[in-house]
Amino acid sequence: MAEIIQRIDKNNAEAPEMRRRIWAIVGASSGNLVEWFDFYVYSFCSLYFAHIFFPSGNTTTQLLQTAGVFAAGFLMRPIGGWLFGRIADRRGRKASMLISVCMMCMGSLVIACLPGYDTIGTWAPALLLIARLFQGLSVGGEYGTSATYMSEVALEGRKGFFASFQYVTLIGGQLLALLVVVIFAAGSGGC
C-alpha cells in the first residue's frame, strides 16, 4: 500500500512538468505546421497567380518561372538550418522558432500584397523571388530547430515519439494547405 501511495505522489508531482513539456511540443508542432502550410500554399496556388507575376503569353512558361521561384526557396533551406541553429544555440530554441515563424508569415504577407507585373514591371518577379528566398531561409531554420527542441523537451523514454510530431506537422501543413486550396477552388474557381 505504501508503494502505491508513493507512486501516486510521484505521478502527482510530475504532472505539472509533464503538462509543460506536452504544451512545449504542441507549441513547436504548431509553429512547424504554420511554416509548412505557408511554404506549400505557394506551390498549390501557383497555377492561379503565375500570370500575375510573369509576363508571358505562354502558360507553360509562366508556370515554369513560378516553379523556379519555388525551387529557389529550397536553396535557402541549408543556410536557414545553419543560421537558425546558431540563433538557437545563442538565444534559445524557442526564440529561434518564433523568429522563423514570423519570417515565414512576413514572406507570405509580402507575396499576398505584392502587385503584379502589370503594375510594377520586373520588380514583381524580383520581389516574389526575394519573398520566397526569405521563406526558404525560414523553413530551413524551423526544420532543424523544431526537431532538436522537441527531442530536448520530450519526456525521458518518449523522445522519439515526441520528436516525430515534427514530421507529422510537416505533412499536416502540406495537407492543410491542399485542403484550403481545394475549398477555395471549389468555392470561387481559384485561389
N, C-alpha and C. Protein backbone atom coordinates (compact mmCIF):
# COMPACT_ATOMS: atom_id res chain seq x y z
N MET A 1 0.82 -1.19 0.00
CA MET A 1 0.00 0.00 0.00
C MET A 1 0.87 1.26 0.00
N ALA A 2 1.90 1.25 0.80
CA ALA A 2 2.81 2.40 0.86
C ALA A 2 3.46 2.65 -0.50
N GLU A 3 3.74 1.57 -1.21
CA GLU A 3 4.35 1.70 -2.54
C GLU A 3 3.38 2.36 -3.51
N ILE A 4 2.11 2.03 -3.44
CA ILE A 4 1.10 2.63 -4.32
C ILE A 4 0.96 4.12 -4.02
N ILE A 5 0.91 4.46 -2.75
CA ILE A 5 0.81 5.87 -2.35
C ILE A 5 2.03 6.65 -2.82
N GLN A 6 3.18 6.04 -2.68
CA GLN A 6 4.42 6.69 -3.12
C GLN A 6 4.39 6.92 -4.64
N ARG A 7 3.90 5.94 -5.40
CA ARG A 7 3.82 6.08 -6.85
C ARG A 7 2.82 7.17 -7.24
N ILE A 8 1.68 7.24 -6.55
CA ILE A 8 0.68 8.29 -6.81
C ILE A 8 1.27 9.66 -6.51
N ASP A 9 1.96 9.80 -5.38
CA ASP A 9 2.60 11.07 -5.03
C ASP A 9 3.62 11.48 -6.09
N LYS A 10 4.38 10.51 -6.57
CA LYS A 10 5.39 10.80 -7.60
C LYS A 10 4.71 11.25 -8.89
N ASN A 11 3.63 10.58 -9.29
CA ASN A 11 2.91 10.95 -10.50
C ASN A 11 2.28 12.33 -10.37
N ASN A 12 1.72 12.66 -9.19
CA ASN A 12 1.14 13.98 -8.98
C ASN A 12 2.20 15.07 -9.02
N ALA A 13 3.38 14.79 -8.52
CA ALA A 13 4.47 15.76 -8.54
C ALA A 13 4.98 15.98 -9.96
N GLU A 14 4.94 14.93 -10.79
CA GLU A 14 5.45 15.03 -12.15
C GLU A 14 4.42 15.59 -13.13
N ALA A 15 3.15 15.63 -12.76
CA ALA A 15 2.08 16.05 -13.67
C ALA A 15 2.29 17.47 -14.23
N PRO A 16 2.60 18.48 -13.40
CA PRO A 16 2.81 19.82 -13.97
C PRO A 16 3.98 19.86 -14.96
N GLU A 17 5.04 19.14 -14.65
CA GLU A 17 6.20 19.10 -15.55
C GLU A 17 5.82 18.41 -16.86
N MET A 18 5.03 17.36 -16.78
CA MET A 18 4.60 16.66 -17.99
C MET A 18 3.72 17.57 -18.85
N ARG A 19 2.79 18.29 -18.22
CA ARG A 19 1.93 19.22 -18.96
C ARG A 19 2.76 20.30 -19.63
N ARG A 20 3.75 20.83 -18.93
CA ARG A 20 4.61 21.86 -19.52
C ARG A 20 5.33 21.33 -20.75
N ARG A 21 5.84 20.14 -20.66
CA ARG A 21 6.56 19.55 -21.79
C ARG A 21 5.62 19.27 -22.96
N ILE A 22 4.45 18.78 -22.67
CA ILE A 22 3.49 18.50 -23.74
C ILE A 22 3.08 19.79 -24.44
N TRP A 23 2.84 20.86 -23.67
CA TRP A 23 2.50 22.14 -24.28
C TRP A 23 3.66 22.70 -25.09
N ALA A 24 4.88 22.46 -24.67
CA ALA A 24 6.04 22.88 -25.46
C ALA A 24 6.07 22.14 -26.79
N ILE A 25 5.76 20.86 -26.78
CA ILE A 25 5.69 20.08 -28.01
C ILE A 25 4.56 20.58 -28.90
N VAL A 26 3.40 20.87 -28.31
CA VAL A 26 2.27 21.39 -29.08
C VAL A 26 2.63 22.73 -29.72
N GLY A 27 3.29 23.60 -28.96
CA GLY A 27 3.70 24.90 -29.50
C GLY A 27 4.69 24.76 -30.64
N ALA A 28 5.69 23.93 -30.46
CA ALA A 28 6.69 23.72 -31.52
C ALA A 28 6.04 23.08 -32.74
N SER A 29 5.15 22.14 -32.51
CA SER A 29 4.46 21.47 -33.62
C SER A 29 3.57 22.46 -34.37
N SER A 30 2.90 23.33 -33.65
CA SER A 30 2.02 24.31 -34.29
C SER A 30 2.82 25.26 -35.17
N GLY A 31 3.95 25.72 -34.66
CA GLY A 31 4.81 26.58 -35.46
C GLY A 31 5.30 25.87 -36.71
N ASN A 32 5.66 24.63 -36.56
CA ASN A 32 6.13 23.84 -37.70
C ASN A 32 5.01 23.68 -38.73
N LEU A 33 3.79 23.43 -38.27
CA LEU A 33 2.65 23.29 -39.16
C LEU A 33 2.42 24.57 -39.95
N VAL A 34 2.48 25.71 -39.28
CA VAL A 34 2.29 27.00 -39.95
C VAL A 34 3.37 27.23 -41.00
N GLU A 35 4.62 26.90 -40.66
CA GLU A 35 5.73 27.07 -41.60
C GLU A 35 5.46 26.30 -42.89
N TRP A 36 5.13 25.03 -42.75
CA TRP A 36 4.94 24.19 -43.94
C TRP A 36 3.67 24.54 -44.67
N PHE A 37 2.64 24.96 -43.96
CA PHE A 37 1.41 25.42 -44.61
C PHE A 37 1.73 26.60 -45.52
N ASP A 38 2.40 27.61 -44.97
CA ASP A 38 2.76 28.79 -45.76
C ASP A 38 3.64 28.43 -46.95
N PHE A 39 4.59 27.54 -46.72
CA PHE A 39 5.53 27.19 -47.78
C PHE A 39 4.82 26.51 -48.95
N TYR A 40 3.87 25.65 -48.66
CA TYR A 40 3.22 24.89 -49.73
C TYR A 40 1.97 25.54 -50.31
N VAL A 41 1.37 26.49 -49.64
CA VAL A 41 0.27 27.22 -50.25
C VAL A 41 0.75 27.87 -51.54
N TYR A 42 1.97 28.37 -51.53
CA TYR A 42 2.55 28.98 -52.73
C TYR A 42 2.51 27.99 -53.89
N SER A 43 3.01 26.79 -53.67
CA SER A 43 3.10 25.83 -54.78
C SER A 43 1.71 25.43 -55.27
N PHE A 44 0.77 25.24 -54.35
CA PHE A 44 -0.56 24.82 -54.77
C PHE A 44 -1.32 25.94 -55.49
N CYS A 45 -1.05 27.18 -55.13
CA CYS A 45 -1.75 28.31 -55.75
C CYS A 45 -1.03 28.87 -56.98
N SER A 46 0.14 28.37 -57.26
CA SER A 46 0.93 28.94 -58.37
C SER A 46 0.19 28.86 -59.70
N LEU A 47 -0.66 27.89 -59.87
CA LEU A 47 -1.47 27.80 -61.10
C LEU A 47 -2.33 29.04 -61.29
N TYR A 48 -2.75 29.62 -60.19
CA TYR A 48 -3.68 30.74 -60.25
C TYR A 48 -3.00 32.10 -60.33
N PHE A 49 -1.75 32.20 -59.89
CA PHE A 49 -1.13 33.53 -59.90
C PHE A 49 0.11 33.65 -60.78
N ALA A 50 0.50 32.61 -61.46
CA ALA A 50 1.71 32.66 -62.30
C ALA A 50 1.62 33.79 -63.32
N HIS A 51 0.47 33.97 -63.92
CA HIS A 51 0.31 35.00 -64.95
C HIS A 51 0.39 36.42 -64.38
N ILE A 52 0.19 36.57 -63.09
CA ILE A 52 0.23 37.89 -62.48
C ILE A 52 1.67 38.40 -62.37
N PHE A 53 2.61 37.50 -62.08
CA PHE A 53 4.00 37.91 -61.84
C PHE A 53 4.92 37.75 -63.05
N PHE A 54 4.54 36.90 -63.98
CA PHE A 54 5.42 36.64 -65.12
C PHE A 54 4.69 36.96 -66.42
N PRO A 55 5.26 37.88 -67.22
CA PRO A 55 4.56 38.47 -68.36
C PRO A 55 4.68 37.70 -69.67
N SER A 56 4.41 36.46 -69.69
CA SER A 56 4.49 35.70 -70.93
C SER A 56 3.08 35.30 -71.33
N GLY A 57 2.83 35.24 -72.61
CA GLY A 57 1.53 34.77 -73.07
C GLY A 57 1.43 33.26 -73.00
N ASN A 58 2.54 32.61 -72.68
CA ASN A 58 2.60 31.15 -72.65
C ASN A 58 2.42 30.67 -71.20
N THR A 59 1.34 29.94 -70.96
CA THR A 59 1.04 29.46 -69.61
C THR A 59 2.13 28.54 -69.08
N THR A 60 2.68 27.70 -69.95
CA THR A 60 3.73 26.77 -69.52
C THR A 60 4.96 27.54 -69.04
N THR A 61 5.34 28.57 -69.77
CA THR A 61 6.50 29.38 -69.37
C THR A 61 6.24 30.06 -68.03
N GLN A 62 5.05 30.59 -67.85
CA GLN A 62 4.71 31.24 -66.58
C GLN A 62 4.78 30.26 -65.42
N LEU A 63 4.27 29.05 -65.62
CA LEU A 63 4.31 28.05 -64.55
C LEU A 63 5.73 27.60 -64.26
N LEU A 64 6.55 27.46 -65.30
CA LEU A 64 7.95 27.08 -65.08
C LEU A 64 8.70 28.17 -64.31
N GLN A 65 8.43 29.42 -64.63
CA GLN A 65 9.08 30.51 -63.90
C GLN A 65 8.63 30.52 -62.44
N THR A 66 7.35 30.29 -62.21
CA THR A 66 6.83 30.24 -60.84
C THR A 66 7.42 29.05 -60.09
N ALA A 67 7.56 27.91 -60.78
CA ALA A 67 8.19 26.73 -60.16
C ALA A 67 9.66 27.00 -59.86
N GLY A 68 10.33 27.76 -60.72
CA GLY A 68 11.72 28.12 -60.46
C GLY A 68 11.86 28.95 -59.20
N VAL A 69 10.93 29.86 -58.99
CA VAL A 69 10.94 30.67 -57.77
C VAL A 69 10.68 29.77 -56.56
N PHE A 70 9.78 28.80 -56.70
CA PHE A 70 9.52 27.84 -55.62
C PHE A 70 10.79 27.05 -55.31
N ALA A 71 11.48 26.59 -56.35
CA ALA A 71 12.71 25.81 -56.17
C ALA A 71 13.79 26.64 -55.49
N ALA A 72 13.85 27.93 -55.79
CA ALA A 72 14.86 28.79 -55.18
C ALA A 72 14.72 28.81 -53.66
N GLY A 73 13.50 28.68 -53.17
CA GLY A 73 13.28 28.62 -51.73
C GLY A 73 13.98 27.43 -51.10
N PHE A 74 14.07 26.33 -51.84
CA PHE A 74 14.75 25.14 -51.32
C PHE A 74 16.26 25.37 -51.19
N LEU A 75 16.81 26.22 -52.02
CA LEU A 75 18.25 26.50 -51.94
C LEU A 75 18.61 27.21 -50.65
N MET A 76 17.67 27.91 -50.06
CA MET A 76 17.93 28.66 -48.83
C MET A 76 17.81 27.80 -47.57
N ARG A 77 17.23 26.62 -47.70
CA ARG A 77 17.00 25.79 -46.51
C ARG A 77 18.27 25.44 -45.75
N PRO A 78 19.33 24.98 -46.42
CA PRO A 78 20.54 24.67 -45.65
C PRO A 78 21.11 25.89 -44.93
N ILE A 79 21.05 27.03 -45.59
CA ILE A 79 21.53 28.26 -44.97
C ILE A 79 20.66 28.60 -43.76
N GLY A 80 19.34 28.42 -43.91
CA GLY A 80 18.42 28.66 -42.79
C GLY A 80 18.69 27.72 -41.63
N GLY A 81 18.97 26.45 -41.94
CA GLY A 81 19.30 25.50 -40.88
C GLY A 81 20.53 25.91 -40.11
N TRP A 82 21.55 26.34 -40.85
CA TRP A 82 22.80 26.78 -40.21
C TRP A 82 22.57 28.05 -39.39
N LEU A 83 21.92 29.05 -40.01
CA LEU A 83 21.71 30.34 -39.35
C LEU A 83 20.84 30.20 -38.10
N PHE A 84 19.72 29.51 -38.22
CA PHE A 84 18.83 29.37 -37.08
C PHE A 84 19.37 28.41 -36.03
N GLY A 85 20.21 27.49 -36.44
CA GLY A 85 20.90 26.65 -35.46
C GLY A 85 21.79 27.49 -34.56
N ARG A 86 22.48 28.44 -35.18
CA ARG A 86 23.33 29.35 -34.40
C ARG A 86 22.48 30.25 -33.49
N ILE A 87 21.38 30.76 -34.04
CA ILE A 87 20.48 31.59 -33.23
C ILE A 87 19.94 30.78 -32.05
N ALA A 88 19.55 29.54 -32.31
CA ALA A 88 19.01 28.68 -31.25
C ALA A 88 20.04 28.41 -30.16
N ASP A 89 21.29 28.23 -30.55
CA ASP A 89 22.33 28.00 -29.55
C ASP A 89 22.62 29.24 -28.72
N ARG A 90 22.48 30.40 -29.32
CA ARG A 90 22.79 31.65 -28.61
C ARG A 90 21.59 32.21 -27.85
N ARG A 91 20.41 32.16 -28.47
CA ARG A 91 19.23 32.82 -27.89
C ARG A 91 18.19 31.83 -27.36
N GLY A 92 18.34 30.57 -27.70
CA GLY A 92 17.37 29.56 -27.27
C GLY A 92 16.53 29.06 -28.43
N ARG A 93 16.09 27.82 -28.32
CA ARG A 93 15.31 27.19 -29.39
C ARG A 93 13.98 27.90 -29.60
N LYS A 94 13.33 28.26 -28.50
CA LYS A 94 12.02 28.90 -28.60
C LYS A 94 12.12 30.23 -29.36
N ALA A 95 13.11 31.03 -29.03
CA ALA A 95 13.29 32.31 -29.71
C ALA A 95 13.58 32.10 -31.19
N SER A 96 14.41 31.11 -31.49
CA SER A 96 14.75 30.82 -32.88
C SER A 96 13.51 30.42 -33.67
N MET A 97 12.68 29.57 -33.08
CA MET A 97 11.47 29.14 -33.78
C MET A 97 10.48 30.28 -33.95
N LEU A 98 10.38 31.14 -32.96
CA LEU A 98 9.48 32.29 -33.06
C LEU A 98 9.91 33.23 -34.18
N ILE A 99 11.20 33.50 -34.26
CA ILE A 99 11.72 34.35 -35.34
C ILE A 99 11.44 33.70 -36.69
N SER A 100 11.65 32.40 -36.76
CA SER A 100 11.43 31.67 -38.00
C SER A 100 9.98 31.74 -38.46
N VAL A 101 9.04 31.52 -37.56
CA VAL A 101 7.62 31.57 -37.91
C VAL A 101 7.24 32.98 -38.34
N CYS A 102 7.73 33.99 -37.65
CA CYS A 102 7.44 35.38 -38.02
C CYS A 102 7.99 35.71 -39.41
N MET A 103 9.19 35.20 -39.70
CA MET A 103 9.77 35.42 -41.03
C MET A 103 8.92 34.77 -42.11
N MET A 104 8.44 33.57 -41.85
CA MET A 104 7.61 32.88 -42.83
C MET A 104 6.32 33.65 -43.07
N CYS A 105 5.69 34.09 -42.00
CA CYS A 105 4.45 34.85 -42.13
C CYS A 105 4.69 36.17 -42.86
N MET A 106 5.83 36.80 -42.60
CA MET A 106 6.16 38.05 -43.29
C MET A 106 6.33 37.79 -44.79
N GLY A 107 7.01 36.72 -45.13
CA GLY A 107 7.17 36.36 -46.55
C GLY A 107 5.83 36.12 -47.22
N SER A 108 4.92 35.44 -46.52
CA SER A 108 3.59 35.18 -47.07
C SER A 108 2.80 36.47 -47.23
N LEU A 109 2.92 37.37 -46.27
CA LEU A 109 2.23 38.66 -46.35
C LEU A 109 2.74 39.47 -47.54
N VAL A 110 4.05 39.47 -47.74
CA VAL A 110 4.62 40.20 -48.88
C VAL A 110 4.08 39.62 -50.19
N ILE A 111 4.06 38.30 -50.30
CA ILE A 111 3.54 37.67 -51.52
C ILE A 111 2.07 38.01 -51.72
N ALA A 112 1.29 37.98 -50.66
CA ALA A 112 -0.15 38.27 -50.77
C ALA A 112 -0.40 39.72 -51.19
N CYS A 113 0.44 40.63 -50.76
CA CYS A 113 0.24 42.06 -51.04
C CYS A 113 1.01 42.55 -52.26
N LEU A 114 1.82 41.71 -52.84
CA LEU A 114 2.71 42.11 -53.93
C LEU A 114 1.92 42.44 -55.20
N PRO A 115 2.13 43.64 -55.74
CA PRO A 115 1.48 43.97 -57.01
C PRO A 115 2.07 43.12 -58.14
N GLY A 116 1.32 42.96 -59.20
CA GLY A 116 1.75 42.13 -60.31
C GLY A 116 2.66 42.84 -61.29
N TYR A 117 3.02 42.11 -62.33
CA TYR A 117 3.92 42.62 -63.37
C TYR A 117 3.33 43.84 -64.06
N ASP A 118 2.03 43.84 -64.29
CA ASP A 118 1.38 44.97 -64.97
C ASP A 118 1.50 46.26 -64.18
N THR A 119 1.66 46.16 -62.87
CA THR A 119 1.73 47.34 -62.01
C THR A 119 3.16 47.82 -61.79
N ILE A 120 4.08 46.90 -61.44
CA ILE A 120 5.44 47.33 -61.10
C ILE A 120 6.52 46.71 -61.99
N GLY A 121 6.12 46.08 -63.05
CA GLY A 121 7.09 45.55 -64.02
C GLY A 121 7.95 44.43 -63.46
N THR A 122 9.23 44.47 -63.78
CA THR A 122 10.14 43.39 -63.39
C THR A 122 10.37 43.32 -61.88
N TRP A 123 9.94 44.35 -61.17
CA TRP A 123 10.04 44.29 -59.71
C TRP A 123 9.14 43.19 -59.14
N ALA A 124 8.04 42.90 -59.81
CA ALA A 124 7.10 41.89 -59.30
C ALA A 124 7.76 40.52 -59.17
N PRO A 125 8.36 39.97 -60.25
CA PRO A 125 9.02 38.67 -60.07
C PRO A 125 10.25 38.75 -59.17
N ALA A 126 10.94 39.88 -59.18
CA ALA A 126 12.13 40.02 -58.33
C ALA A 126 11.74 40.01 -56.85
N LEU A 127 10.70 40.74 -56.50
CA LEU A 127 10.24 40.77 -55.10
C LEU A 127 9.61 39.43 -54.69
N LEU A 128 8.96 38.77 -55.64
CA LEU A 128 8.42 37.44 -55.37
C LEU A 128 9.57 36.48 -55.03
N LEU A 129 10.63 36.56 -55.80
CA LEU A 129 11.80 35.71 -55.55
C LEU A 129 12.41 36.00 -54.18
N ILE A 130 12.54 37.27 -53.84
CA ILE A 130 13.11 37.64 -52.54
C ILE A 130 12.23 37.11 -51.40
N ALA A 131 10.91 37.24 -51.55
CA ALA A 131 10.00 36.73 -50.51
C ALA A 131 10.12 35.22 -50.37
N ARG A 132 10.26 34.51 -51.49
CA ARG A 132 10.40 33.05 -51.43
C ARG A 132 11.75 32.65 -50.84
N LEU A 133 12.80 33.40 -51.13
CA LEU A 133 14.10 33.11 -50.51
C LEU A 133 14.01 33.30 -49.00
N PHE A 134 13.31 34.33 -48.60
CA PHE A 134 13.07 34.61 -47.18
C PHE A 134 12.33 33.44 -46.54
N GLN A 135 11.30 32.94 -47.24
CA GLN A 135 10.55 31.80 -46.71
C GLN A 135 11.39 30.54 -46.67
N GLY A 136 12.22 30.32 -47.68
CA GLY A 136 13.10 29.15 -47.68
C GLY A 136 14.08 29.18 -46.53
N LEU A 137 14.63 30.35 -46.27
CA LEU A 137 15.53 30.53 -45.13
C LEU A 137 14.80 30.19 -43.83
N SER A 138 13.58 30.68 -43.72
CA SER A 138 12.78 30.45 -42.53
C SER A 138 12.45 28.98 -42.31
N VAL A 139 11.99 28.32 -43.36
CA VAL A 139 11.58 26.92 -43.20
C VAL A 139 12.80 26.02 -42.94
N GLY A 140 13.94 26.37 -43.49
CA GLY A 140 15.16 25.62 -43.20
C GLY A 140 15.55 25.75 -41.74
N GLY A 141 15.36 26.93 -41.20
CA GLY A 141 15.66 27.15 -39.79
C GLY A 141 14.68 26.46 -38.86
N GLU A 142 13.43 26.46 -39.24
CA GLU A 142 12.40 25.83 -38.41
C GLU A 142 12.59 24.33 -38.34
N TYR A 143 12.94 23.73 -39.45
CA TYR A 143 13.01 22.26 -39.53
C TYR A 143 13.98 21.67 -38.50
N GLY A 144 15.21 22.13 -38.53
CA GLY A 144 16.21 21.59 -37.61
C GLY A 144 15.99 22.01 -36.17
N THR A 145 15.60 23.26 -35.99
CA THR A 145 15.41 23.77 -34.63
C THR A 145 14.24 23.09 -33.94
N SER A 146 13.14 22.89 -34.67
CA SER A 146 11.98 22.27 -34.03
C SER A 146 12.25 20.81 -33.69
N ALA A 147 12.96 20.09 -34.55
CA ALA A 147 13.28 18.69 -34.24
C ALA A 147 14.15 18.60 -32.99
N THR A 148 15.14 19.47 -32.91
CA THR A 148 16.02 19.48 -31.74
C THR A 148 15.25 19.85 -30.48
N TYR A 149 14.44 20.90 -30.58
CA TYR A 149 13.67 21.37 -29.43
C TYR A 149 12.72 20.28 -28.93
N MET A 150 12.02 19.63 -29.85
CA MET A 150 11.07 18.60 -29.43
C MET A 150 11.76 17.43 -28.74
N SER A 151 12.92 17.07 -29.23
CA SER A 151 13.63 15.96 -28.57
C SER A 151 14.21 16.39 -27.22
N GLU A 152 14.55 17.67 -27.09
CA GLU A 152 15.09 18.15 -25.82
C GLU A 152 14.03 18.24 -24.72
N VAL A 153 12.82 18.64 -25.08
CA VAL A 153 11.79 18.82 -24.05
C VAL A 153 10.94 17.57 -23.84
N ALA A 154 11.13 16.56 -24.66
CA ALA A 154 10.33 15.34 -24.55
C ALA A 154 10.63 14.60 -23.25
N LEU A 155 9.66 13.83 -22.83
CA LEU A 155 9.81 13.01 -21.63
C LEU A 155 10.86 11.93 -21.88
N GLU A 156 11.59 11.60 -20.85
CA GLU A 156 12.61 10.55 -20.96
C GLU A 156 11.93 9.24 -21.37
N GLY A 157 12.51 8.57 -22.33
CA GLY A 157 11.93 7.33 -22.82
C GLY A 157 10.86 7.54 -23.89
N ARG A 158 10.52 8.81 -24.19
CA ARG A 158 9.49 9.12 -25.20
C ARG A 158 10.01 10.12 -26.21
N LYS A 159 11.32 10.32 -26.27
CA LYS A 159 11.91 11.34 -27.14
C LYS A 159 11.59 11.09 -28.61
N GLY A 160 11.71 9.85 -29.06
CA GLY A 160 11.41 9.53 -30.45
C GLY A 160 9.96 9.80 -30.79
N PHE A 161 9.07 9.44 -29.88
CA PHE A 161 7.65 9.67 -30.11
C PHE A 161 7.34 11.16 -30.23
N PHE A 162 7.82 11.94 -29.27
CA PHE A 162 7.52 13.37 -29.28
C PHE A 162 8.22 14.09 -30.44
N ALA A 163 9.44 13.70 -30.76
CA ALA A 163 10.14 14.32 -31.88
C ALA A 163 9.48 13.99 -33.21
N SER A 164 8.75 12.88 -33.28
CA SER A 164 8.08 12.51 -34.52
C SER A 164 6.99 13.50 -34.91
N PHE A 165 6.50 14.27 -33.95
CA PHE A 165 5.47 15.25 -34.28
C PHE A 165 6.00 16.34 -35.21
N GLN A 166 7.30 16.50 -35.25
CA GLN A 166 7.89 17.45 -36.19
C GLN A 166 7.56 17.02 -37.61
N TYR A 167 7.69 15.76 -37.91
CA TYR A 167 7.38 15.27 -39.26
C TYR A 167 5.88 15.20 -39.48
N VAL A 168 5.14 14.82 -38.47
CA VAL A 168 3.68 14.75 -38.59
C VAL A 168 3.12 16.13 -38.96
N THR A 169 3.62 17.18 -38.32
CA THR A 169 3.12 18.52 -38.62
C THR A 169 3.66 19.04 -39.94
N LEU A 170 4.80 18.55 -40.39
CA LEU A 170 5.30 18.89 -41.73
C LEU A 170 4.28 18.43 -42.76
N ILE A 171 3.90 17.17 -42.70
CA ILE A 171 2.90 16.63 -43.63
C ILE A 171 1.54 17.26 -43.37
N GLY A 172 1.22 17.50 -42.10
CA GLY A 172 -0.05 18.15 -41.76
C GLY A 172 -0.17 19.53 -42.38
N GLY A 173 0.92 20.29 -42.38
CA GLY A 173 0.91 21.61 -43.01
C GLY A 173 0.67 21.53 -44.51
N GLN A 174 1.29 20.55 -45.14
CA GLN A 174 1.08 20.36 -46.58
C GLN A 174 -0.37 19.97 -46.87
N LEU A 175 -0.91 19.05 -46.08
CA LEU A 175 -2.29 18.61 -46.30
C LEU A 175 -3.28 19.73 -46.00
N LEU A 176 -3.01 20.52 -44.97
CA LEU A 176 -3.88 21.65 -44.65
C LEU A 176 -3.85 22.69 -45.78
N ALA A 177 -2.67 22.95 -46.32
CA ALA A 177 -2.56 23.88 -47.45
C ALA A 177 -3.36 23.36 -48.64
N LEU A 178 -3.25 22.08 -48.91
CA LEU A 178 -4.01 21.48 -50.01
C LEU A 178 -5.51 21.58 -49.76
N LEU A 179 -5.93 21.32 -48.54
CA LEU A 179 -7.35 21.40 -48.19
C LEU A 179 -7.89 22.81 -48.39
N VAL A 180 -7.15 23.81 -47.93
CA VAL A 180 -7.57 25.20 -48.08
C VAL A 180 -7.69 25.56 -49.55
N VAL A 181 -6.73 25.15 -50.36
CA VAL A 181 -6.76 25.46 -51.79
C VAL A 181 -7.95 24.75 -52.45
N VAL A 182 -8.21 23.51 -52.10
CA VAL A 182 -9.35 22.78 -52.66
C VAL A 182 -10.66 23.48 -52.30
N ILE A 183 -10.78 23.93 -51.06
CA ILE A 183 -12.00 24.63 -50.64
C ILE A 183 -12.17 25.93 -51.41
N PHE A 184 -11.09 26.72 -51.53
CA PHE A 184 -11.18 27.98 -52.29
C PHE A 184 -11.45 27.72 -53.76
N ALA A 185 -10.81 26.71 -54.32
CA ALA A 185 -11.00 26.41 -55.74
C ALA A 185 -12.44 25.96 -56.01
N ALA A 186 -13.00 25.18 -55.10
CA ALA A 186 -14.37 24.71 -55.27
C ALA A 186 -15.37 25.86 -55.11
N GLY A 187 -15.06 26.79 -54.21
CA GLY A 187 -15.99 27.87 -53.92
C GLY A 187 -15.92 29.05 -54.86
N SER A 188 -14.73 29.31 -55.42
CA SER A 188 -14.59 30.54 -56.21
C SER A 188 -13.93 30.34 -57.56
N GLY A 189 -13.61 29.15 -57.90
CA GLY A 189 -12.97 28.92 -59.19
C GLY A 189 -11.48 29.17 -59.17
N GLY A 190 -10.86 29.36 -58.03
CA GLY A 190 -9.41 29.57 -57.95
C GLY A 190 -9.01 30.17 -56.63
N CYS A 191 -7.70 30.28 -56.40
CA CYS A 191 -7.17 30.83 -55.15
C CYS A 191 -7.46 32.29 -55.03
